[in-house]
Amino acid sequence: MVVSAPAVEKPASAEALAETLHEAASQRLGVIPVGGGRASGMGDPALRCDVELHTTRLDRVVEHSQADMVVSVEAGITLEALQEHLARAGQFLPIDPFHSPGHTIGGLLATGWTGPLRLRFGSPR
């Protein structure tokens, strides 16, 4: 039996991410996104994983309009890092998943783990 581990890609920009996905698609490779790894057991098991696409280097605040109360971030930023950024402006993101440390925003949005504050503030979008 021959077992091979998936390739691991860790793009640090949207351009590098797009290039990685383009290359994987052209070779018809199975790609699995990985953020903080907190929900890796959720959902149906992957039928194929040729490439693990880690988003942890995609961890920046892209834009933050304090007056409009809007923030755009990359998928790999952790909830803690985003909350620290928003706190400097007297704001916070009203999501509160249990066992929060290390959750990435991309992972939280993908799983819907936004916590009970969504009942008061609504779900993020």
N, C-alpha and C. Protein backbone atom coordinates (compact mmCIF):
# COMPACT_ATOMS: atom_id res chain seq x y z
N MET A 1 0.85 -1.17 0.00
CA MET A 1 0.00 0.00 0.00
C MET A 1 0.90 1.23 0.00
N VAL A 2 0.55 2.19 -0.84
CA VAL A 2 1.28 3.45 -0.90
C VAL A 2 0.38 4.54 -0.36
N VAL A 3 0.84 5.23 0.65
CA VAL A 3 0.09 6.33 1.24
C VAL A 3 0.90 7.60 1.04
N SER A 4 0.27 8.61 0.49
CA SER A 4 0.99 9.87 0.31
C SER A 4 0.26 10.98 1.06
N ALA A 5 1.04 11.84 1.66
CA ALA A 5 0.47 12.97 2.40
C ALA A 5 0.12 14.07 1.41
N PRO A 6 -0.90 14.86 1.73
CA PRO A 6 -1.24 15.96 0.84
C PRO A 6 -0.16 17.04 0.87
N ALA A 7 -0.07 17.75 -0.23
CA ALA A 7 0.80 18.93 -0.27
C ALA A 7 0.20 19.97 0.65
N VAL A 8 1.02 20.80 1.25
CA VAL A 8 0.54 21.87 2.13
C VAL A 8 0.94 23.20 1.52
N GLU A 9 -0.04 24.05 1.29
CA GLU A 9 0.19 25.39 0.75
C GLU A 9 -0.26 26.40 1.80
N LYS A 10 0.55 27.46 1.97
CA LYS A 10 0.24 28.51 2.94
C LYS A 10 0.40 29.87 2.27
N PRO A 11 -0.56 30.25 1.41
CA PRO A 11 -0.42 31.53 0.72
C PRO A 11 -0.50 32.70 1.70
N ALA A 12 0.23 33.77 1.38
CA ALA A 12 0.27 34.95 2.25
C ALA A 12 -0.44 36.15 1.62
N SER A 13 -1.08 35.95 0.47
CA SER A 13 -1.80 37.05 -0.17
C SER A 13 -2.95 36.47 -0.99
N ALA A 14 -3.90 37.33 -1.31
CA ALA A 14 -5.03 36.89 -2.14
C ALA A 14 -4.54 36.43 -3.50
N GLU A 15 -3.51 37.08 -4.02
CA GLU A 15 -2.96 36.71 -5.32
C GLU A 15 -2.35 35.31 -5.26
N ALA A 16 -1.58 35.04 -4.20
CA ALA A 16 -0.97 33.71 -4.04
C ALA A 16 -2.05 32.64 -3.85
N LEU A 17 -3.11 32.98 -3.14
CA LEU A 17 -4.22 32.06 -2.95
C LEU A 17 -4.86 31.73 -4.30
N ALA A 18 -5.13 32.76 -5.09
CA ALA A 18 -5.74 32.56 -6.41
C ALA A 18 -4.84 31.70 -7.30
N GLU A 19 -3.55 31.96 -7.25
CA GLU A 19 -2.60 31.18 -8.05
C GLU A 19 -2.59 29.71 -7.63
N THR A 20 -2.60 29.47 -6.33
CA THR A 20 -2.63 28.10 -5.81
C THR A 20 -3.90 27.38 -6.26
N LEU A 21 -5.04 28.05 -6.14
CA LEU A 21 -6.30 27.43 -6.54
C LEU A 21 -6.36 27.19 -8.05
N HIS A 22 -5.83 28.12 -8.83
CA HIS A 22 -5.79 27.96 -10.28
C HIS A 22 -4.96 26.74 -10.66
N GLU A 23 -3.79 26.62 -10.04
CA GLU A 23 -2.91 25.49 -10.32
C GLU A 23 -3.56 24.17 -9.91
N ALA A 24 -4.19 24.15 -8.74
CA ALA A 24 -4.87 22.93 -8.28
C ALA A 24 -6.01 22.56 -9.22
N ALA A 25 -6.77 23.55 -9.65
CA ALA A 25 -7.89 23.28 -10.56
C ALA A 25 -7.40 22.75 -11.90
N SER A 26 -6.31 23.32 -12.40
CA SER A 26 -5.80 22.87 -13.70
C SER A 26 -5.31 21.42 -13.64
N GLN A 27 -4.90 20.97 -12.45
CA GLN A 27 -4.46 19.58 -12.28
C GLN A 27 -5.56 18.69 -11.69
N ARG A 28 -6.74 19.27 -11.50
CA ARG A 28 -7.90 18.56 -10.95
C ARG A 28 -7.58 17.93 -9.58
N LEU A 29 -6.94 18.73 -8.73
CA LEU A 29 -6.57 18.27 -7.39
C LEU A 29 -7.67 18.60 -6.39
N GLY A 30 -7.84 17.75 -5.41
CA GLY A 30 -8.78 18.01 -4.32
C GLY A 30 -8.13 18.93 -3.30
N VAL A 31 -8.80 20.04 -2.97
CA VAL A 31 -8.26 21.05 -2.06
C VAL A 31 -9.14 21.12 -0.82
N ILE A 32 -8.52 21.09 0.35
CA ILE A 32 -9.23 21.23 1.62
C ILE A 32 -8.70 22.48 2.32
N PRO A 33 -9.59 23.46 2.62
CA PRO A 33 -9.12 24.63 3.36
C PRO A 33 -8.91 24.30 4.83
N VAL A 34 -7.88 24.88 5.42
CA VAL A 34 -7.57 24.68 6.83
C VAL A 34 -7.29 26.04 7.44
N GLY A 35 -8.02 26.38 8.49
CA GLY A 35 -7.77 27.63 9.20
C GLY A 35 -7.09 27.33 10.51
N GLY A 36 -7.81 27.53 11.59
CA GLY A 36 -7.26 27.23 12.91
C GLY A 36 -7.33 25.75 13.26
N GLY A 37 -8.01 24.96 12.45
CA GLY A 37 -8.11 23.52 12.69
C GLY A 37 -9.12 23.13 13.76
N ARG A 38 -9.94 24.07 14.21
CA ARG A 38 -10.87 23.79 15.31
C ARG A 38 -12.07 22.96 14.87
N ALA A 39 -12.38 22.96 13.57
CA ALA A 39 -13.58 22.26 13.11
C ALA A 39 -13.24 21.21 12.05
N SER A 40 -12.03 20.70 12.09
CA SER A 40 -11.61 19.77 11.04
C SER A 40 -12.42 18.48 11.02
N GLY A 41 -13.08 18.14 12.11
CA GLY A 41 -13.88 16.92 12.14
C GLY A 41 -15.33 17.13 11.75
N MET A 42 -15.71 18.35 11.42
CA MET A 42 -17.10 18.64 11.07
C MET A 42 -17.41 18.22 9.64
N GLY A 43 -18.65 17.93 9.38
CA GLY A 43 -19.10 17.65 8.03
C GLY A 43 -18.72 16.26 7.57
N ASP A 44 -19.06 16.00 6.32
CA ASP A 44 -18.71 14.71 5.72
C ASP A 44 -17.20 14.63 5.53
N PRO A 45 -16.64 13.45 5.66
CA PRO A 45 -15.20 13.32 5.42
C PRO A 45 -14.89 13.60 3.95
N ALA A 46 -13.75 14.21 3.72
CA ALA A 46 -13.34 14.53 2.35
C ALA A 46 -13.09 13.23 1.59
N LEU A 47 -13.55 13.20 0.36
CA LEU A 47 -13.30 12.03 -0.47
C LEU A 47 -11.85 12.00 -0.94
N ARG A 48 -11.28 13.20 -1.07
CA ARG A 48 -9.92 13.29 -1.57
C ARG A 48 -9.29 14.57 -1.06
N CYS A 49 -8.04 14.50 -0.69
CA CYS A 49 -7.32 15.70 -0.26
C CYS A 49 -5.91 15.63 -0.83
N ASP A 50 -5.71 16.34 -1.93
CA ASP A 50 -4.39 16.40 -2.54
C ASP A 50 -3.60 17.60 -2.01
N VAL A 51 -4.34 18.64 -1.63
CA VAL A 51 -3.70 19.87 -1.16
C VAL A 51 -4.44 20.38 0.07
N GLU A 52 -3.70 20.61 1.16
CA GLU A 52 -4.24 21.33 2.32
C GLU A 52 -3.90 22.79 2.11
N LEU A 53 -4.92 23.63 2.09
CA LEU A 53 -4.73 25.06 1.85
C LEU A 53 -4.90 25.80 3.18
N HIS A 54 -3.80 26.11 3.83
CA HIS A 54 -3.83 26.77 5.14
C HIS A 54 -4.00 28.28 4.95
N THR A 55 -4.94 28.85 5.70
CA THR A 55 -5.24 30.29 5.57
C THR A 55 -4.61 31.13 6.66
N THR A 56 -3.82 30.54 7.54
CA THR A 56 -3.32 31.27 8.71
C THR A 56 -2.42 32.45 8.36
N ARG A 57 -1.83 32.47 7.18
CA ARG A 57 -1.01 33.63 6.79
C ARG A 57 -1.86 34.73 6.15
N LEU A 58 -3.11 34.44 5.88
CA LEU A 58 -4.05 35.44 5.36
C LEU A 58 -4.75 36.04 6.58
N ASP A 59 -4.02 36.88 7.30
CA ASP A 59 -4.46 37.29 8.64
C ASP A 59 -4.53 38.80 8.84
N ARG A 60 -4.87 39.51 7.80
CA ARG A 60 -4.86 40.97 7.88
C ARG A 60 -6.26 41.58 7.89
N VAL A 61 -6.34 42.76 8.49
CA VAL A 61 -7.53 43.60 8.34
C VAL A 61 -7.35 44.33 7.02
N VAL A 62 -8.27 44.14 6.11
CA VAL A 62 -8.18 44.75 4.78
C VAL A 62 -8.68 46.19 4.83
N GLU A 63 -9.80 46.39 5.49
CA GLU A 63 -10.39 47.72 5.58
C GLU A 63 -11.25 47.79 6.84
N HIS A 64 -11.23 48.94 7.50
CA HIS A 64 -12.06 49.14 8.68
C HIS A 64 -12.59 50.56 8.64
N SER A 65 -13.90 50.69 8.49
CA SER A 65 -14.56 51.99 8.53
C SER A 65 -15.26 52.10 9.88
N GLN A 66 -14.61 52.81 10.79
CA GLN A 66 -15.16 52.94 12.14
C GLN A 66 -16.53 53.60 12.10
N ALA A 67 -16.68 54.66 11.31
CA ALA A 67 -17.94 55.40 11.25
C ALA A 67 -19.08 54.53 10.72
N ASP A 68 -18.78 53.69 9.73
CA ASP A 68 -19.81 52.82 9.15
C ASP A 68 -19.96 51.50 9.90
N MET A 69 -19.06 51.25 10.87
CA MET A 69 -19.05 50.01 11.63
C MET A 69 -18.97 48.79 10.70
N VAL A 70 -18.02 48.88 9.75
CA VAL A 70 -17.80 47.81 8.78
C VAL A 70 -16.32 47.46 8.80
N VAL A 71 -16.02 46.17 8.80
CA VAL A 71 -14.64 45.72 8.74
C VAL A 71 -14.55 44.57 7.73
N SER A 72 -13.52 44.60 6.91
CA SER A 72 -13.24 43.52 5.97
C SER A 72 -11.91 42.91 6.36
N VAL A 73 -11.87 41.60 6.46
CA VAL A 73 -10.65 40.91 6.90
C VAL A 73 -10.38 39.72 5.99
N GLU A 74 -9.14 39.24 6.07
CA GLU A 74 -8.79 38.01 5.38
C GLU A 74 -9.24 36.82 6.24
N ALA A 75 -9.42 35.69 5.61
CA ALA A 75 -10.01 34.52 6.27
C ALA A 75 -9.21 33.97 7.44
N GLY A 76 -7.89 34.16 7.44
CA GLY A 76 -7.06 33.54 8.46
C GLY A 76 -6.85 34.34 9.73
N ILE A 77 -7.41 35.55 9.80
CA ILE A 77 -7.24 36.34 11.02
C ILE A 77 -8.02 35.66 12.15
N THR A 78 -7.43 35.62 13.33
CA THR A 78 -8.13 35.00 14.46
C THR A 78 -9.14 35.99 15.04
N LEU A 79 -10.12 35.43 15.71
CA LEU A 79 -11.12 36.26 16.37
C LEU A 79 -10.46 37.18 17.39
N GLU A 80 -9.47 36.66 18.11
CA GLU A 80 -8.78 37.47 19.13
C GLU A 80 -8.07 38.66 18.49
N ALA A 81 -7.37 38.44 17.39
CA ALA A 81 -6.65 39.53 16.72
C ALA A 81 -7.62 40.57 16.19
N LEU A 82 -8.74 40.12 15.64
CA LEU A 82 -9.73 41.07 15.13
C LEU A 82 -10.36 41.86 16.27
N GLN A 83 -10.69 41.19 17.38
CA GLN A 83 -11.27 41.90 18.52
C GLN A 83 -10.30 42.93 19.07
N GLU A 84 -9.01 42.61 19.11
CA GLU A 84 -8.00 43.59 19.57
C GLU A 84 -7.97 44.80 18.66
N HIS A 85 -8.02 44.57 17.35
CA HIS A 85 -8.02 45.68 16.39
C HIS A 85 -9.26 46.56 16.59
N LEU A 86 -10.42 45.94 16.69
CA LEU A 86 -11.66 46.69 16.83
C LEU A 86 -11.73 47.42 18.17
N ALA A 87 -11.19 46.83 19.22
CA ALA A 87 -11.22 47.46 20.55
C ALA A 87 -10.50 48.80 20.55
N ARG A 88 -9.46 48.93 19.74
CA ARG A 88 -8.75 50.22 19.66
C ARG A 88 -9.65 51.33 19.13
N ALA A 89 -10.73 50.95 18.44
CA ALA A 89 -11.70 51.91 17.93
C ALA A 89 -12.97 51.92 18.77
N GLY A 90 -12.95 51.24 19.91
CA GLY A 90 -14.13 51.18 20.78
C GLY A 90 -15.24 50.29 20.21
N GLN A 91 -14.88 49.33 19.39
CA GLN A 91 -15.86 48.45 18.76
C GLN A 91 -15.53 46.99 19.06
N PHE A 92 -16.45 46.10 18.71
CA PHE A 92 -16.20 44.67 18.84
C PHE A 92 -17.06 43.94 17.82
N LEU A 93 -16.65 42.73 17.48
CA LEU A 93 -17.45 41.89 16.60
C LEU A 93 -18.33 41.02 17.49
N PRO A 94 -19.65 41.14 17.37
CA PRO A 94 -20.54 40.44 18.30
C PRO A 94 -20.74 38.97 17.96
N ILE A 95 -19.64 38.23 18.00
CA ILE A 95 -19.74 36.78 17.92
C ILE A 95 -18.95 36.20 19.09
N ASP A 96 -19.46 35.13 19.64
CA ASP A 96 -18.85 34.57 20.85
C ASP A 96 -18.96 33.05 20.86
N PRO A 97 -18.20 32.40 19.98
CA PRO A 97 -18.24 30.94 19.97
C PRO A 97 -17.62 30.39 21.24
N PHE A 98 -18.07 29.22 21.63
CA PHE A 98 -17.44 28.60 22.80
C PHE A 98 -16.04 28.14 22.42
N HIS A 99 -15.17 28.03 23.41
CA HIS A 99 -13.77 27.64 23.18
C HIS A 99 -13.13 28.49 22.10
N SER A 100 -13.21 29.78 22.25
CA SER A 100 -12.80 30.73 21.22
C SER A 100 -11.34 30.75 20.82
N PRO A 101 -10.37 30.55 21.69
CA PRO A 101 -8.97 30.78 21.29
C PRO A 101 -8.56 30.05 20.02
N GLY A 102 -8.03 30.82 19.07
CA GLY A 102 -7.49 30.24 17.85
C GLY A 102 -8.45 30.11 16.69
N HIS A 103 -9.73 30.36 16.91
CA HIS A 103 -10.68 30.29 15.79
C HIS A 103 -10.35 31.39 14.78
N THR A 104 -10.35 31.02 13.50
CA THR A 104 -10.19 32.04 12.46
C THR A 104 -11.56 32.52 12.03
N ILE A 105 -11.61 33.75 11.52
CA ILE A 105 -12.88 34.30 11.06
C ILE A 105 -13.43 33.46 9.92
N GLY A 106 -12.57 33.03 9.01
CA GLY A 106 -13.03 32.18 7.91
C GLY A 106 -13.68 30.91 8.41
N GLY A 107 -13.07 30.29 9.41
CA GLY A 107 -13.62 29.06 9.97
C GLY A 107 -14.93 29.30 10.69
N LEU A 108 -15.02 30.39 11.43
CA LEU A 108 -16.27 30.69 12.14
C LEU A 108 -17.41 30.95 11.17
N LEU A 109 -17.13 31.66 10.08
CA LEU A 109 -18.18 31.92 9.10
C LEU A 109 -18.55 30.64 8.35
N ALA A 110 -17.56 29.81 8.05
CA ALA A 110 -17.83 28.57 7.33
C ALA A 110 -18.67 27.60 8.15
N THR A 111 -18.46 27.57 9.45
CA THR A 111 -19.18 26.62 10.32
C THR A 111 -20.45 27.21 10.92
N GLY A 112 -20.57 28.53 10.90
CA GLY A 112 -21.72 29.17 11.53
C GLY A 112 -21.62 29.25 13.04
N TRP A 113 -20.42 29.03 13.58
CA TRP A 113 -20.22 29.08 15.03
C TRP A 113 -20.09 30.53 15.48
N THR A 114 -21.21 31.21 15.58
CA THR A 114 -21.14 32.62 15.96
C THR A 114 -21.60 32.88 17.39
N GLY A 115 -22.17 31.89 18.04
CA GLY A 115 -22.54 32.03 19.44
C GLY A 115 -23.85 32.75 19.67
N PRO A 116 -24.27 32.85 20.92
CA PRO A 116 -25.57 33.40 21.25
C PRO A 116 -25.72 34.90 21.02
N LEU A 117 -24.63 35.65 20.89
CA LEU A 117 -24.78 37.08 20.62
C LEU A 117 -25.48 37.36 19.30
N ARG A 118 -25.50 36.39 18.39
CA ARG A 118 -26.17 36.59 17.10
C ARG A 118 -27.67 36.83 17.30
N LEU A 119 -28.22 36.33 18.42
CA LEU A 119 -29.64 36.53 18.69
C LEU A 119 -29.95 38.01 18.91
N ARG A 120 -28.98 38.74 19.43
CA ARG A 120 -29.18 40.17 19.67
C ARG A 120 -28.71 41.02 18.50
N PHE A 121 -27.57 40.64 17.90
CA PHE A 121 -26.95 41.49 16.88
C PHE A 121 -27.10 40.95 15.46
N GLY A 122 -27.56 39.74 15.28
CA GLY A 122 -27.64 39.13 13.96
C GLY A 122 -26.35 38.41 13.61
N SER A 123 -26.40 37.65 12.55
CA SER A 123 -25.22 36.90 12.10
C SER A 123 -24.32 37.79 11.27
N PRO A 124 -23.01 37.53 11.31
CA PRO A 124 -22.10 38.33 10.48
C PRO A 124 -22.31 38.02 9.01
N ARG A 125 -21.93 38.99 8.19
CA ARG A 125 -22.04 38.79 6.73
C ARG A 125 -20.93 39.52 6.04
